[in-house]
Amino acid sequence: MRVALKSAVVSLRPLLAMASLVLAIGPACALSPRPLSQDDVAWLRRDGFDLDSATVARYRDLGRSRFLDQQLDDKAGDALPPPIAALINSYEVVNTPTEQRLANLRDEQEKIKAMPDGDDKTAAKKAQQEHANLLLQEAQQIAMLHAVYGPNQLKEQMVWFWLNHFSVYGAKGRVRWVAADYAQEAIRPHALGKFRDLVMATLQSPAMMEFLDNAQNAKGHVNENYARELMELHTLGVNSGYTQQDVQQLALILTGSGVAPLRDRPMLERHPRIAAQFVRNGLFEFNPMRHDYSDKVLLGQKINGSGFHEVEQAVDLITRQPACAQFISRKLAAYFVADDPPPALVAKMAHTFQRTDGDIADVLRTMLESKELSTSYGKKFKDPMQFVVSSVRVAYDGKPIVNAKPLINWLNQLGEPVFGRLTPDGWPLDASGWSSSGQMAKRFEIAGAIGTGNNRLLTPEGLPRNGGDFPMLTTRLYYDTFDPYLSAPTRDALAKATSQQEWNTFLLSSPDFNYR
């Protein structure tokens, strides 16, 4: 009898939880706005990293047109909830200026180099590596926290898209020391701006210079690595018509561009004409003494040897090629719309790209207002970043977390860590890269960790984990946006849940949630 009674109580738990919720919000629901249409919900889920109450309320208040206008104009900025801003501001990578970080690294390396071989030297090297890993983890956590809590979700998706498009590998060289600056200072300010400006910002970033070796590119010691990837992966795409000679000529144009030295050195007083062409922008340096001043021919156009102006001319020339408009438009459509995007949509986006001189916001507007987008709802599989971020957004719905480490751990488990792609081509944009049986099993585990509260998102670092702190997904957000449009198989699965935690897990691991 006791066993039967216990079983009955367990089976009633989800019903009791939902009944309590209805009693708690029932009167308010009668006064609340009608649920969004299926088209509105689907559009919002594609526009950002899925839904939270604040986004839905803002959409209801503004309507789609004004909502999109404010996003593309970046009216909301990057303001984060005070607890999240405080968490980010507690990180060393935020508190220590980049140049000071690199100077400290240089001093440590010199000190270690001078040490005699032995245990102390080994321990010092290990400590330096652990410090580097900590800085990279902080950069990863900052990126994740912005994605979860950023008020402009379209911008947050674009920051992730560009971080992947202009990918750098955090573990190479000094990239760990500058990865946070790369995301927040090179990518974020230009995520919705002119593509040409974004290319220039990544070109001048220490992270890119270190990762693709242009810091070593100098007259007489030419390194073609960055020049090749700049055209193949960043702007024009493979088979777009450029040649190996174009790569060689672009590499010559880029000679002298690199990371500024950390120690003062005598200026070029003896060479005033050359000194006038010296360029310093943060940690980017164009050193005319390392530049090849010969005339070049790039993509059929002559570029006179003139120093840093050659770099600007080359970027202007490359980003205004029709191939660039086509390449970038197709990648954007592959991320937002379909693995194999409709050619007609890509052509419209490319036309906007060329007409507006690469205005990213205008290209996005063309895509987000297209009929092709509306016919693709529910068919685009979330990549690991989208899955993790959207799960946390829906589960905690604006509630501030105090520990971001689980976020990056989950991305690591799913094989898509921020700054973790070894090669410069970025993570896959299509479902085949993320939908294997092993991947889905891992997603179910992570959905369980979030749905049951068996994580440390709400536990400060160094303290024991609090038990029973699971999210309640059966909220007004769920009933207004997800519940009306769930598929029959998902409803059947949810009906079999024996607890709120299990119900949460089933929802987060369902096809309805993993596709958008």
Protein backbone atom coordinates (compact mmCIF):
# COMPACT_ATOMS: atom_id res chain seq x y z
CA MET A 1 0.00 0.00 0.00
CA ARG A 2 2.82 2.41 0.93
CA VAL A 3 4.63 1.65 -2.34
CA ALA A 4 1.47 2.24 -4.36
CA LEU A 5 0.75 5.50 -2.55
CA LYS A 6 4.32 6.73 -3.05
CA SER A 7 4.11 5.88 -6.76
CA ALA A 8 0.83 7.78 -7.06
CA VAL A 9 2.28 10.84 -5.36
CA VAL A 10 5.36 10.80 -7.58
CA SER A 11 3.22 10.54 -10.71
CA LEU A 12 1.16 13.51 -9.54
CA ARG A 13 4.14 15.79 -8.91
CA PRO A 14 4.17 17.50 -12.30
CA LEU A 15 0.40 17.99 -12.10
CA LEU A 16 0.67 19.44 -8.60
CA ALA A 17 3.47 21.75 -9.68
CA MET A 18 1.47 22.98 -12.66
CA ALA A 19 -1.67 23.39 -10.53
CA SER A 20 0.29 25.50 -8.06
CA LEU A 21 1.58 27.61 -10.94
CA VAL A 22 -1.95 28.16 -12.33
CA LEU A 23 -3.19 29.19 -8.89
CA ALA A 24 -0.24 31.56 -8.51
CA ILE A 25 -0.55 33.31 -11.89
CA GLY A 26 -4.11 32.48 -12.90
CA PRO A 27 -5.68 35.92 -12.19
CA ALA A 28 -2.77 37.67 -13.84
CA CYS A 29 -3.06 35.45 -16.90
CA ALA A 30 -6.59 36.67 -17.41
CA LEU A 31 -5.24 40.18 -17.78
CA SER A 32 -2.07 39.30 -19.69
CA PRO A 33 -1.73 39.86 -23.44
CA ARG A 34 -2.73 37.07 -25.78
CA PRO A 35 0.00 34.53 -26.59
CA LEU A 36 2.23 35.52 -29.48
CA SER A 37 1.40 33.99 -32.82
CA GLN A 38 3.33 30.95 -33.96
CA ASP A 39 5.05 33.12 -36.56
CA ASP A 40 6.09 35.66 -33.92
CA VAL A 41 7.49 33.00 -31.62
CA ALA A 42 9.37 31.27 -34.44
CA TRP A 43 10.81 34.59 -35.68
CA LEU A 44 11.97 35.57 -32.18
CA ARG A 45 13.58 32.17 -31.61
CA ARG A 46 15.59 32.66 -34.82
CA ASP A 47 16.40 36.31 -34.07
CA GLY A 48 18.16 35.60 -30.76
CA PHE A 49 19.44 32.83 -28.50
CA ASP A 50 15.84 31.71 -27.93
CA LEU A 51 13.44 33.42 -25.53
CA ASP A 52 13.24 35.05 -22.15
CA SER A 53 10.45 37.11 -20.61
CA ALA A 54 12.17 40.46 -21.12
CA THR A 55 12.63 39.85 -24.84
CA VAL A 56 9.03 38.73 -25.29
CA ALA A 57 7.72 41.75 -23.37
CA ARG A 58 9.81 44.15 -25.45
CA TYR A 59 8.63 42.50 -28.67
CA ARG A 60 4.99 42.78 -27.58
CA ASP A 61 5.46 46.43 -26.68
CA LEU A 62 7.25 47.46 -29.88
CA GLY A 63 5.98 45.12 -32.55
CA ARG A 64 8.31 43.32 -34.93
CA SER A 65 9.26 46.30 -37.09
CA ARG A 66 10.27 48.63 -34.25
CA PHE A 67 11.81 45.74 -32.32
CA LEU A 68 14.05 44.93 -35.28
CA ASP A 69 14.85 48.62 -35.84
CA GLN A 70 16.07 48.99 -32.26
CA GLN A 71 18.21 45.87 -32.52
CA LEU A 72 19.83 46.87 -35.80
CA ASP A 73 20.42 50.41 -34.50
CA ASP A 74 21.86 48.84 -31.32
CA LYS A 75 19.69 51.08 -29.14
CA ALA A 76 19.84 48.69 -26.16
CA GLY A 77 23.65 48.68 -26.10
CA ASP A 78 25.50 46.02 -24.13
CA ALA A 79 24.15 46.78 -20.64
CA LEU A 80 24.03 43.68 -18.45
CA PRO A 81 22.15 43.06 -15.17
CA PRO A 82 24.20 44.54 -12.28
CA PRO A 83 25.09 41.13 -10.74
CA ILE A 84 26.37 39.87 -14.11
CA ALA A 85 28.33 43.07 -14.76
CA ALA A 86 29.84 42.76 -11.29
CA LEU A 87 30.84 39.15 -11.95
CA ILE A 88 32.56 40.11 -15.20
CA ASN A 89 34.29 43.08 -13.57
CA SER A 90 35.75 40.74 -10.96
CA TYR A 91 37.83 38.95 -13.59
CA GLU A 92 41.54 39.67 -13.89
CA VAL A 93 41.30 39.85 -17.66
CA VAL A 94 39.00 42.88 -17.25
CA ASN A 95 40.88 44.57 -14.42
CA THR A 96 44.35 44.44 -15.94
CA PRO A 97 45.09 46.45 -19.12
CA THR A 98 46.12 44.27 -22.04
CA GLU A 99 49.51 45.86 -22.43
CA GLN A 100 50.21 45.32 -18.74
CA ARG A 101 49.17 41.67 -19.06
CA LEU A 102 51.58 41.13 -21.93
CA ALA A 103 54.35 43.03 -20.14
CA ASN A 104 53.88 40.81 -17.08
CA LEU A 105 54.06 37.76 -19.34
CA ARG A 106 57.29 39.02 -20.91
CA ASP A 107 58.84 39.62 -17.49
CA GLU A 108 57.79 36.17 -16.27
CA GLN A 109 59.20 34.49 -19.36
CA GLU A 110 62.52 36.29 -18.97
CA LYS A 111 62.66 35.34 -15.30
CA ILE A 112 61.91 31.69 -16.06
CA LYS A 113 64.46 31.61 -18.87
CA ALA A 114 67.15 32.82 -16.46
CA MET A 115 66.36 30.13 -13.88
CA PRO A 116 68.56 27.02 -13.69
CA ASP A 117 66.96 23.79 -14.81
CA GLY A 118 65.19 21.96 -12.02
CA ASP A 119 61.96 21.64 -10.08
CA ASP A 120 61.61 25.38 -9.46
CA LYS A 121 61.81 26.15 -13.17
CA THR A 122 59.32 23.40 -13.97
CA ALA A 123 56.93 24.70 -11.32
CA ALA A 124 57.26 28.26 -12.65
CA LYS A 125 56.42 27.12 -16.18
CA LYS A 126 53.42 25.21 -14.89
CA ALA A 127 52.18 28.23 -12.94
CA GLN A 128 52.49 30.41 -16.04
CA GLN A 129 50.44 27.92 -18.08
CA GLU A 130 47.77 27.78 -15.39
CA HIS A 131 47.63 31.57 -15.37
CA ALA A 132 47.25 31.62 -19.16
CA ASN A 133 44.45 29.06 -18.97
CA LEU A 134 42.67 31.14 -16.33
CA LEU A 135 42.75 34.22 -18.56
CA LEU A 136 41.34 32.21 -21.47
CA GLN A 137 38.59 30.76 -19.27
CA GLU A 138 37.65 34.26 -18.15
CA ALA A 139 37.46 35.37 -21.80
CA GLN A 140 35.21 32.40 -22.56
CA GLN A 141 32.97 33.13 -19.59
CA ILE A 142 32.60 36.79 -20.59
CA ALA A 143 31.49 35.74 -24.07
CA MET A 144 28.95 33.30 -22.61
CA LEU A 145 27.55 35.76 -20.07
CA HIS A 146 27.01 38.40 -22.74
CA ALA A 147 25.23 35.81 -24.89
CA VAL A 148 22.88 34.78 -22.07
CA TYR A 149 22.10 38.22 -20.65
CA GLY A 150 22.73 40.68 -23.50
CA PRO A 151 19.61 42.81 -24.13
CA ASN A 152 20.16 42.83 -27.90
CA GLN A 153 19.97 39.16 -28.73
CA LEU A 154 20.46 39.68 -32.46
CA LYS A 155 23.73 41.44 -31.73
CA GLU A 156 24.78 38.64 -29.37
CA GLN A 157 24.19 36.09 -32.12
CA MET A 158 26.25 38.22 -34.48
CA VAL A 159 29.12 38.50 -31.99
CA TRP A 160 29.18 34.69 -31.82
CA PHE A 161 28.86 34.41 -35.61
CA TRP A 162 31.81 36.75 -36.22
CA LEU A 163 33.93 35.16 -33.49
CA ASN A 164 33.46 31.92 -35.38
CA HIS A 165 33.93 33.48 -38.82
CA PHE A 166 37.13 35.30 -37.78
CA SER A 167 38.16 32.37 -35.63
CA VAL A 168 41.30 32.39 -33.45
CA TYR A 169 42.67 29.49 -31.43
CA GLY A 170 43.11 30.48 -27.80
CA ALA A 171 45.92 28.07 -26.96
CA LYS A 172 48.33 29.39 -29.59
CA GLY A 173 51.11 31.76 -28.54
CA ARG A 174 49.89 34.80 -26.60
CA VAL A 175 46.27 34.54 -27.81
CA ARG A 176 45.09 33.51 -24.32
CA TRP A 177 46.29 36.84 -22.97
CA VAL A 178 44.35 38.87 -25.56
CA ALA A 179 41.30 36.71 -26.36
CA ALA A 180 38.94 38.77 -24.20
CA ASP A 181 40.01 41.98 -25.94
CA TYR A 182 39.51 40.35 -29.32
CA ALA A 183 35.87 39.56 -28.57
CA GLN A 184 34.98 42.76 -26.76
CA GLU A 185 37.05 45.35 -28.66
CA ALA A 186 37.56 43.96 -32.18
CA ILE A 187 34.35 41.98 -32.77
CA ARG A 188 31.59 43.43 -30.57
CA PRO A 189 31.77 47.12 -31.62
CA HIS A 190 31.53 46.19 -35.32
CA ALA A 191 29.12 43.23 -35.15
CA LEU A 192 26.29 45.25 -36.74
CA GLY A 193 28.38 47.85 -38.58
CA LYS A 194 30.28 47.95 -41.85
CA PHE A 195 31.96 44.69 -42.84
CA ARG A 196 35.03 46.60 -44.03
CA ASP A 197 35.49 48.08 -40.53
CA LEU A 198 35.13 44.64 -38.97
CA VAL A 199 37.84 43.24 -41.24
CA MET A 200 40.16 46.13 -40.33
CA ALA A 201 39.48 45.62 -36.61
CA THR A 202 40.32 41.91 -36.77
CA LEU A 203 43.33 42.61 -38.99
CA GLN A 204 44.75 44.96 -36.34
CA SER A 205 43.99 42.74 -33.34
CA PRO A 206 46.90 41.08 -31.51
CA ALA A 207 44.91 37.84 -31.35
CA MET A 208 44.63 37.57 -35.15
CA MET A 209 48.21 38.73 -35.72
CA GLU A 210 49.45 36.03 -33.33
CA PHE A 211 47.17 33.26 -34.55
CA LEU A 212 47.77 33.67 -38.29
CA ASP A 213 51.41 34.74 -38.00
CA ASN A 214 51.29 38.20 -39.52
CA ALA A 215 53.28 39.42 -36.52
CA GLN A 216 56.23 37.66 -38.24
CA ASN A 217 55.45 39.01 -41.73
CA ALA A 218 58.23 41.40 -42.77
CA LYS A 219 60.17 42.50 -45.82
CA GLY A 220 62.57 39.73 -46.75
CA HIS A 221 60.79 37.28 -44.41
CA VAL A 222 57.32 37.15 -45.92
CA ASN A 223 54.68 34.98 -44.25
CA GLU A 224 51.62 34.33 -46.45
CA ASN A 225 49.45 32.62 -43.84
CA TYR A 226 47.20 35.53 -42.89
CA ALA A 227 46.98 36.87 -46.44
CA ARG A 228 45.69 33.50 -47.63
CA GLU A 229 43.10 33.10 -44.89
CA LEU A 230 42.01 36.73 -45.18
CA MET A 231 40.82 36.02 -48.72
CA GLU A 232 39.86 32.34 -48.46
CA LEU A 233 38.07 32.30 -45.08
CA HIS A 234 37.32 35.89 -44.12
CA THR A 235 36.21 37.68 -47.28
CA LEU A 236 36.11 36.03 -50.73
CA GLY A 237 35.83 32.29 -50.19
CA VAL A 238 37.37 29.38 -52.06
CA ASN A 239 37.15 29.38 -55.86
CA SER A 240 36.20 33.07 -55.96
CA GLY A 241 38.76 33.95 -58.60
CA TYR A 242 41.81 35.10 -56.67
CA THR A 243 45.14 33.45 -57.46
CA GLN A 244 48.27 32.42 -55.61
CA GLN A 245 49.87 35.56 -57.00
CA ASP A 246 47.15 37.60 -55.30
CA VAL A 247 47.98 35.87 -52.03
CA GLN A 248 51.66 36.71 -52.47
CA GLN A 249 50.91 40.32 -53.34
CA LEU A 250 48.57 40.73 -50.35
CA ALA A 251 51.22 39.25 -48.06
CA LEU A 252 53.66 41.92 -49.29
CA ILE A 253 51.05 44.60 -48.67
CA LEU A 254 50.64 43.34 -45.10
CA THR A 255 54.37 43.34 -44.30
CA GLY A 256 55.14 45.50 -41.29
CA SER A 257 51.72 44.99 -39.67
CA GLY A 258 51.98 43.27 -36.34
CA VAL A 259 51.93 43.51 -32.55
CA ALA A 260 53.69 46.51 -31.04
CA PRO A 261 56.77 45.80 -28.92
CA LEU A 262 56.29 46.17 -25.17
CA ARG A 263 59.49 48.10 -24.50
CA ASP A 264 60.16 51.64 -25.62
CA ARG A 265 62.65 51.89 -28.43
CA PRO A 266 64.24 54.90 -30.12
CA MET A 267 61.99 56.60 -32.65
CA LEU A 268 63.08 56.94 -36.22
CA GLU A 269 64.42 60.50 -35.91
CA ARG A 270 67.09 59.78 -38.43
CA HIS A 271 64.47 58.82 -41.00
CA PRO A 272 61.72 61.44 -40.72
CA ARG A 273 60.01 60.39 -43.95
CA ILE A 274 59.69 56.82 -42.72
CA ALA A 275 58.82 57.89 -39.16
CA ALA A 276 55.85 59.82 -40.52
CA GLN A 277 54.44 56.54 -41.84
CA PHE A 278 54.69 54.77 -38.49
CA VAL A 279 51.21 53.69 -37.21
CA ARG A 280 50.30 52.69 -33.66
CA ASN A 281 46.74 51.79 -32.64
CA GLY A 282 46.56 50.13 -29.24
CA LEU A 283 48.77 47.07 -29.55
CA PHE A 284 48.70 47.15 -33.35
CA GLU A 285 51.77 48.55 -35.03
CA PHE A 286 52.62 49.26 -38.63
CA ASN A 287 56.40 49.53 -38.76
CA PRO A 288 57.58 51.08 -42.05
CA MET A 289 61.06 49.65 -41.46
CA ARG A 290 59.58 46.15 -41.88
CA HIS A 291 57.38 46.96 -44.87
CA ASP A 292 57.97 46.12 -48.51
CA TYR A 293 57.42 49.39 -50.41
CA SER A 294 57.37 47.89 -53.88
CA ASP A 295 54.30 48.45 -56.06
CA LYS A 296 51.83 45.54 -56.07
CA VAL A 297 48.98 44.26 -58.23
CA LEU A 298 46.05 42.80 -56.28
CA LEU A 299 42.96 41.36 -57.98
CA GLY A 300 44.03 43.11 -61.17
CA GLN A 301 44.43 46.54 -59.58
CA LYS A 302 47.74 48.33 -59.06
CA ILE A 303 48.52 49.44 -55.51
CA ASN A 304 51.44 51.82 -55.22
CA GLY A 305 53.93 51.24 -52.42
CA SER A 306 52.79 53.72 -49.79
CA GLY A 307 52.89 52.02 -46.39
CA PHE A 308 49.82 51.44 -44.26
CA HIS A 309 47.62 53.07 -46.88
CA GLU A 310 48.24 49.96 -48.99
CA VAL A 311 46.56 47.85 -46.29
CA GLU A 312 43.50 50.11 -46.27
CA GLN A 313 43.32 50.08 -50.08
CA ALA A 314 43.59 46.30 -50.16
CA VAL A 315 40.81 45.81 -47.62
CA ASP A 316 38.58 48.26 -49.49
CA LEU A 317 39.24 46.43 -52.75
CA ILE A 318 38.63 42.96 -51.32
CA THR A 319 35.46 43.77 -49.37
CA ARG A 320 33.88 45.47 -52.41
CA GLN A 321 34.24 42.41 -54.61
CA PRO A 322 30.95 40.76 -55.63
CA ALA A 323 32.45 37.48 -54.41
CA CYS A 324 32.75 38.95 -50.91
CA ALA A 325 29.09 40.00 -50.85
CA GLN A 326 28.07 36.52 -52.00
CA PHE A 327 30.35 34.68 -49.59
CA ILE A 328 29.35 36.61 -46.46
CA SER A 329 25.66 36.59 -47.36
CA ARG A 330 25.65 32.84 -47.85
CA LYS A 331 27.37 32.23 -44.52
CA LEU A 332 24.90 34.47 -42.70
CA ALA A 333 21.99 32.68 -44.34
CA ALA A 334 23.52 29.29 -43.49
CA TYR A 335 23.73 30.32 -39.83
CA PHE A 336 20.27 31.87 -39.50
CA VAL A 337 18.07 30.28 -42.17
CA ALA A 338 19.11 26.87 -43.52
CA ASP A 339 22.15 24.63 -43.88
CA ASP A 340 21.76 24.97 -47.64
CA PRO A 341 20.23 28.46 -47.91
CA PRO A 342 17.93 29.40 -50.81
CA PRO A 343 19.99 30.95 -53.63
CA ALA A 344 17.34 33.63 -54.18
CA LEU A 345 17.70 34.80 -50.58
CA VAL A 346 21.50 34.83 -50.78
CA ALA A 347 21.29 36.86 -54.00
CA LYS A 348 19.01 39.44 -52.33
CA MET A 349 21.32 39.69 -49.33
CA ALA A 350 24.39 40.02 -51.57
CA HIS A 351 22.66 42.80 -53.52
CA THR A 352 22.02 44.65 -50.26
CA PHE A 353 25.63 44.07 -49.20
CA GLN A 354 26.94 45.71 -52.38
CA ARG A 355 24.35 48.48 -52.45
CA THR A 356 25.16 49.54 -48.86
CA ASP A 357 28.93 49.02 -49.06
CA GLY A 358 28.82 46.07 -46.73
CA ASP A 359 26.39 47.33 -44.09
CA ILE A 360 25.82 44.26 -41.91
CA ALA A 361 22.62 45.59 -40.32
CA ASP A 362 21.02 46.18 -43.71
CA VAL A 363 21.96 42.70 -44.90
CA LEU A 364 20.41 41.22 -41.75
CA ARG A 365 17.24 43.24 -42.32
CA THR A 366 16.93 41.79 -45.82
CA MET A 367 17.27 38.30 -44.37
CA LEU A 368 15.03 38.74 -41.31
CA GLU A 369 12.20 40.29 -43.35
CA SER A 370 12.34 37.65 -46.10
CA LYS A 371 9.71 35.04 -46.91
CA GLU A 372 12.53 32.48 -47.13
CA LEU A 373 13.16 32.87 -43.40
CA SER A 374 9.50 32.33 -42.54
CA THR A 375 9.36 29.09 -44.52
CA SER A 376 12.36 27.65 -42.64
CA TYR A 377 11.01 27.83 -39.08
CA GLY A 378 11.52 24.73 -36.99
CA LYS A 379 14.10 23.26 -39.37
CA LYS A 380 17.40 24.82 -38.23
CA PHE A 381 19.27 22.67 -35.70
CA LYS A 382 20.94 24.54 -32.85
CA ASP A 383 24.70 24.35 -32.62
CA PRO A 384 26.14 23.68 -29.12
CA MET A 385 26.50 27.41 -28.33
CA GLN A 386 22.88 28.05 -29.26
CA PHE A 387 21.73 25.01 -27.27
CA VAL A 388 23.60 25.87 -24.07
CA VAL A 389 22.80 29.58 -24.11
CA SER A 390 19.14 29.09 -25.02
CA SER A 391 18.70 26.41 -22.33
CA VAL A 392 20.03 28.72 -19.64
CA ARG A 393 18.00 31.68 -20.94
CA VAL A 394 14.74 29.75 -20.87
CA ALA A 395 15.45 27.88 -17.63
CA TYR A 396 16.59 30.85 -15.54
CA ASP A 397 14.72 33.57 -17.46
CA GLY A 398 16.86 36.52 -16.40
CA LYS A 399 17.74 35.22 -12.95
CA PRO A 400 21.44 36.04 -12.48
CA ILE A 401 23.86 33.17 -12.17
CA VAL A 402 26.95 33.56 -10.02
CA ASN A 403 29.27 30.99 -11.58
CA ALA A 404 29.82 30.81 -15.35
CA LYS A 405 32.22 27.87 -15.36
CA PRO A 406 29.53 25.26 -16.08
CA LEU A 407 28.65 27.15 -19.27
CA ILE A 408 32.10 26.72 -20.77
CA ASN A 409 32.36 23.16 -19.44
CA TRP A 410 29.16 22.23 -21.28
CA LEU A 411 30.44 23.78 -24.51
CA ASN A 412 33.70 21.87 -24.09
CA GLN A 413 31.76 18.62 -23.64
CA LEU A 414 29.78 19.32 -26.80
CA GLY A 415 32.97 20.03 -28.75
CA GLU A 416 32.48 23.74 -29.54
CA PRO A 417 34.50 25.74 -26.98
CA VAL A 418 34.82 29.47 -27.49
CA PHE A 419 38.33 30.15 -28.92
CA GLY A 420 38.75 26.38 -29.18
CA ARG A 421 38.87 25.74 -32.93
CA LEU A 422 42.37 24.60 -33.83
CA THR A 423 42.03 25.50 -37.51
CA PRO A 424 41.02 28.98 -38.75
CA ASP A 425 37.92 27.82 -40.62
CA GLY A 426 35.57 28.08 -37.62
CA TRP A 427 33.04 25.57 -36.30
CA PRO A 428 30.52 23.96 -38.71
CA LEU A 429 27.27 25.82 -39.39
CA ASP A 430 25.27 22.78 -40.53
CA ALA A 431 23.43 20.18 -38.48
CA SER A 432 25.65 17.29 -39.56
CA GLY A 433 28.47 18.67 -37.44
CA TRP A 434 26.43 18.49 -34.22
CA SER A 435 23.67 15.86 -34.51
CA SER A 436 25.47 12.53 -34.05
CA SER A 437 24.14 10.01 -31.52
CA GLY A 438 27.02 10.84 -29.17
CA GLN A 439 26.25 14.53 -29.42
CA MET A 440 22.57 13.96 -28.66
CA ALA A 441 23.38 11.80 -25.65
CA LYS A 442 25.60 14.54 -24.30
CA ARG A 443 22.86 17.12 -24.88
CA PHE A 444 20.48 15.00 -22.84
CA GLU A 445 22.99 14.93 -19.98
CA ILE A 446 23.39 18.71 -20.10
CA ALA A 447 19.63 19.21 -20.34
CA GLY A 448 19.41 17.07 -17.20
CA ALA A 449 22.06 19.09 -15.41
CA ILE A 450 20.15 22.29 -16.15
CA GLY A 451 16.67 20.88 -15.67
CA THR A 452 17.41 19.21 -12.33
CA GLY A 453 19.61 21.99 -10.96
CA ASN A 454 22.56 19.59 -10.70
CA ASN A 455 25.01 22.30 -11.70
CA ARG A 456 26.88 25.11 -10.01
CA LEU A 457 25.39 28.08 -11.86
CA LEU A 458 23.89 29.45 -8.64
CA THR A 459 26.74 28.39 -6.35
CA PRO A 460 29.58 30.88 -5.75
CA GLU A 461 33.07 29.58 -6.46
CA GLY A 462 34.54 27.71 -3.50
CA LEU A 463 31.26 26.96 -1.73
CA PRO A 464 29.45 23.59 -1.61
CA ARG A 465 26.66 23.22 -4.13
CA ASN A 466 23.13 23.96 -2.92
CA GLY A 467 20.74 21.06 -3.40
CA GLY A 468 17.27 21.20 -4.93
CA ASP A 469 17.73 24.52 -6.67
CA PHE A 470 16.15 23.50 -9.96
CA PRO A 471 14.45 25.92 -12.37
CA MET A 472 10.69 25.99 -12.92
CA LEU A 473 10.18 25.94 -16.68
CA THR A 474 6.38 25.80 -16.42
CA THR A 475 6.11 29.59 -16.28
CA ARG A 476 4.07 32.19 -18.13
CA LEU A 477 6.93 32.38 -20.68
CA TYR A 478 6.45 28.68 -21.42
CA TYR A 479 2.66 28.81 -21.62
CA ASP A 480 2.66 31.94 -23.79
CA THR A 481 5.33 30.90 -26.27
CA PHE A 482 6.23 27.19 -26.25
CA ASP A 483 3.16 25.31 -25.05
CA PRO A 484 0.67 26.38 -27.76
CA TYR A 485 2.91 25.13 -30.55
CA LEU A 486 4.48 21.92 -29.18
CA SER A 487 4.40 18.83 -31.39
CA ALA A 488 2.38 15.79 -30.34
CA PRO A 489 5.49 13.62 -29.65
CA THR A 490 6.91 16.26 -27.33
CA ARG A 491 3.58 16.59 -25.51
CA ASP A 492 3.45 12.81 -25.09
CA ALA A 493 6.99 12.75 -23.68
CA LEU A 494 6.30 15.59 -21.26
CA ALA A 495 3.16 13.84 -20.04
CA LYS A 496 5.30 10.89 -18.96
CA ALA A 497 7.57 12.97 -16.72
CA THR A 498 7.43 11.92 -13.06
CA SER A 499 8.80 15.15 -11.59
CA GLN A 500 9.27 18.80 -12.47
CA GLN A 501 12.99 18.16 -12.90
CA GLU A 502 12.35 15.34 -15.34
CA TRP A 503 9.79 17.49 -17.18
CA ASN A 504 12.42 20.25 -17.51
CA THR A 505 14.92 17.77 -18.87
CA PHE A 506 12.47 16.36 -21.41
CA LEU A 507 11.59 19.83 -22.69
CA LEU A 508 15.20 20.98 -23.08
CA SER A 509 16.19 17.79 -24.87
CA SER A 510 13.13 17.68 -27.14
CA PRO A 511 13.31 18.22 -30.92
CA ASP A 512 10.97 21.21 -30.47
CA PHE A 513 13.61 22.94 -28.37
CA ASN A 514 16.70 21.77 -30.26
CA TYR A 515 15.34 23.01 -33.58
CA ARG A 516 14.40 26.64 -34.12
